[in-house]
């Protein structure tokens, strides 16, 4: 898994981001079971946090427009 950058995440649509979060959460579960195999849980957690941050900031922007 390559690290997701903020620019890449912003280019995704809202439904694509929610799918990506689900994929990343599944990867996180797999990586926790295979901890000794070098899969980086820290990167996965950061990617999830970035997506959630963008979703939250966009939701605040939509509320201000109303």
Protein backbone atom coordinates (compact mmCIF):
# COMPACT_ATOMS: atom_id res chain seq x y z
CA UNK A 1 0.00 0.00 0.00
CA UNK A 2 1.39 3.38 -0.92
CA UNK A 3 0.85 6.37 1.31
CA UNK A 4 -2.17 8.45 0.37
CA UNK A 5 -1.53 12.16 0.04
CA UNK A 6 -4.04 14.88 0.82
CA UNK A 7 -4.22 15.94 -2.83
CA UNK A 8 -5.07 12.40 -3.93
CA UNK A 9 -7.75 12.10 -1.27
CA UNK A 10 -9.36 15.42 -2.20
CA UNK A 11 -9.65 14.26 -5.81
CA UNK A 12 -11.77 11.29 -4.73
CA UNK A 13 -15.54 11.58 -4.59
CA UNK A 14 -17.31 11.20 -1.27
CA UNK A 15 -18.50 7.64 -1.95
CA UNK A 16 -15.03 6.64 -3.18
CA UNK A 17 -13.56 7.93 0.07
CA UNK A 18 -15.97 5.87 2.14
CA UNK A 19 -15.03 2.77 0.13
CA UNK A 20 -11.35 3.56 0.66
CA UNK A 21 -11.90 3.87 4.42
CA UNK A 22 -13.54 0.44 4.47
CA UNK A 23 -10.64 -1.05 2.48
CA UNK A 24 -8.09 0.54 4.80
CA UNK A 25 -9.91 -0.69 7.91
CA UNK A 26 -9.86 -4.20 6.49
CA UNK A 27 -6.13 -3.86 5.75
CA UNK A 28 -5.58 -2.64 9.31
CA UNK A 29 -7.25 -5.74 10.70
CA UNK A 30 -5.12 -7.95 8.46
CA UNK A 31 -1.94 -6.13 9.40
CA UNK A 32 -2.66 -6.53 13.11
CA UNK A 33 -2.93 -10.28 12.67
CA UNK A 34 0.33 -10.37 10.68
CA UNK A 35 2.36 -7.98 12.84
CA UNK A 36 5.58 -9.90 12.42
CA UNK A 37 5.52 -9.65 8.62
CA UNK A 38 6.43 -5.96 8.36
CA UNK A 39 3.11 -4.51 7.25
CA UNK A 40 2.95 -0.92 8.44
CA UNK A 41 -0.10 -0.27 10.57
CA UNK A 42 1.03 3.29 11.27
CA UNK A 43 0.71 4.27 7.59
CA UNK A 44 -2.74 2.72 7.37
CA UNK A 45 -3.91 4.61 10.45
CA UNK A 46 -2.57 7.88 9.04
CA UNK A 47 -4.38 7.34 5.74
CA UNK A 48 -7.67 6.68 7.55
CA UNK A 49 -7.17 9.82 9.66
CA UNK A 50 -6.46 11.92 6.57
CA UNK A 51 -9.64 10.77 4.84
CA UNK A 52 -11.73 11.39 7.94
CA UNK A 53 -10.20 14.85 8.34
CA UNK A 54 -11.09 15.81 4.78
CA UNK A 55 -14.61 14.44 5.18
CA UNK A 56 -15.08 16.46 8.35
CA UNK A 57 -13.74 19.67 6.86
CA UNK A 58 -15.97 19.32 3.81
CA UNK A 59 -19.01 18.68 6.00
CA UNK A 60 -18.29 21.87 7.95
CA UNK A 61 -18.02 23.78 4.67
CA UNK A 62 -21.39 22.48 3.52
CA UNK A 63 -23.02 23.49 6.81
CA UNK A 64 -21.69 27.04 6.51
CA UNK A 65 -23.18 27.36 3.01
CA UNK A 66 -26.66 26.52 4.28
